[in-house]
Amino acid sequence: MEQLTLHNIESMARLLGQNDENLKAVETRYHVALTVHDNILRVDGPDNQAVKTAVSLLRELAAAAERYDGDKTQEAVFQNVTLPV
């Protein structure tokens, strides 16, 4: 289990996506379980490498979410994020 802490709830909402679509996509792609409480995101799963890969992606997405300035669409914020395999 690993966890990430975002600076604020607004960044967490951007990270999770509309209707938690980003959260669900990460869970499906990397076979991990994501749990959110306030500004803390917990990543858990049976495969330690998958957890580490998911956390790496989520850190990159979180950084992009925290840079969001309101003038860009959410898609534009995340366009330069590379999905790990």
Protein backbone atom coordinates (compact mmCIF):
# COMPACT_ATOMS: atom_id res chain seq x y z
CA MET A 1 0.00 0.00 0.00
CA GLU A 2 1.17 3.50 -0.85
CA GLN A 3 -0.49 6.86 -0.59
CA LEU A 4 -0.32 10.32 -2.10
CA THR A 5 -1.34 13.56 -0.48
CA LEU A 6 -2.56 16.43 -2.64
CA HIS A 7 -2.39 20.04 -1.50
CA ASN A 8 -6.13 20.64 -1.68
CA ILE A 9 -9.51 19.10 -2.40
CA GLU A 10 -9.87 20.96 -5.71
CA SER A 11 -6.73 19.31 -7.06
CA MET A 12 -8.05 15.93 -5.88
CA ALA A 13 -11.31 16.52 -7.74
CA ARG A 14 -9.41 17.34 -10.95
CA LEU A 15 -7.20 14.27 -10.47
CA LEU A 16 -10.19 11.95 -10.02
CA GLY A 17 -12.02 13.35 -13.03
CA GLN A 18 -15.69 13.77 -13.73
CA ASN A 19 -17.62 10.94 -12.04
CA ASP A 20 -14.24 9.54 -10.91
CA GLU A 21 -13.44 8.49 -14.49
CA ASN A 22 -9.67 8.91 -14.03
CA LEU A 23 -9.74 6.90 -10.80
CA LYS A 24 -11.67 4.07 -12.46
CA ALA A 25 -9.33 4.06 -15.47
CA VAL A 26 -6.24 3.69 -13.26
CA GLU A 27 -7.89 0.94 -11.22
CA THR A 28 -8.82 -0.98 -14.37
CA ARG A 29 -5.53 -0.54 -16.22
CA TYR A 30 -3.21 -1.37 -13.31
CA HIS A 31 -5.46 -3.73 -11.28
CA VAL A 32 -5.20 -1.66 -8.12
CA ALA A 33 -7.74 -0.34 -5.63
CA LEU A 34 -7.82 3.41 -5.03
CA THR A 35 -9.36 4.86 -1.89
CA VAL A 36 -9.86 8.59 -1.34
CA HIS A 37 -10.26 10.37 1.98
CA ASP A 38 -10.13 14.16 1.90
CA ASN A 39 -6.87 15.00 0.10
CA ILE A 40 -5.24 11.57 0.58
CA LEU A 41 -5.29 8.92 -2.14
CA ARG A 42 -4.42 5.36 -1.08
CA VAL A 43 -3.23 2.84 -3.67
CA ASP A 44 -3.41 -0.86 -2.83
CA GLY A 45 -3.13 -4.09 -4.76
CA PRO A 46 -1.68 -7.59 -4.77
CA ASP A 47 1.07 -6.75 -7.28
CA ASN A 48 3.63 -4.39 -5.74
CA GLN A 49 5.00 -3.38 -9.16
CA ALA A 50 1.50 -2.45 -10.37
CA VAL A 51 1.01 -0.33 -7.24
CA LYS A 52 4.32 1.45 -7.86
CA THR A 53 3.46 2.04 -11.52
CA ALA A 54 0.02 3.39 -10.64
CA VAL A 55 1.53 5.67 -7.98
CA SER A 56 4.06 6.98 -10.50
CA LEU A 57 1.28 7.86 -12.92
CA LEU A 58 -0.87 9.37 -10.19
CA ARG A 59 2.02 11.56 -8.99
CA GLU A 60 2.42 12.92 -12.52
CA LEU A 61 -1.34 13.48 -12.86
CA ALA A 62 -1.46 15.10 -9.41
CA ALA A 63 1.30 17.53 -10.37
CA ALA A 64 -0.62 18.45 -13.52
CA ALA A 65 -3.85 18.83 -11.52
CA GLU A 66 -2.14 21.16 -9.07
CA ARG A 67 -0.76 23.31 -11.93
CA TYR A 68 -4.28 23.78 -13.34
CA ASP A 69 -5.03 27.49 -13.56
CA GLY A 70 -8.69 27.45 -14.58
CA ASP A 71 -8.05 28.76 -18.09
CA LYS A 72 -7.47 25.35 -19.63
CA THR A 73 -9.77 22.42 -20.06
CA GLN A 74 -8.98 19.41 -17.88
CA GLU A 75 -7.98 17.49 -21.03
CA ALA A 76 -5.39 20.16 -21.84
CA VAL A 77 -3.92 19.90 -18.35
CA PHE A 78 -3.32 16.16 -18.70
CA GLN A 79 -2.35 16.07 -22.41
CA ASN A 80 1.40 15.76 -21.77
CA VAL A 81 1.12 12.99 -19.18
CA THR A 82 2.59 9.69 -20.43
CA LEU A 83 0.95 6.48 -19.30
CA PRO A 84 3.43 3.98 -17.89
CA VAL A 85 3.10 0.42 -19.18
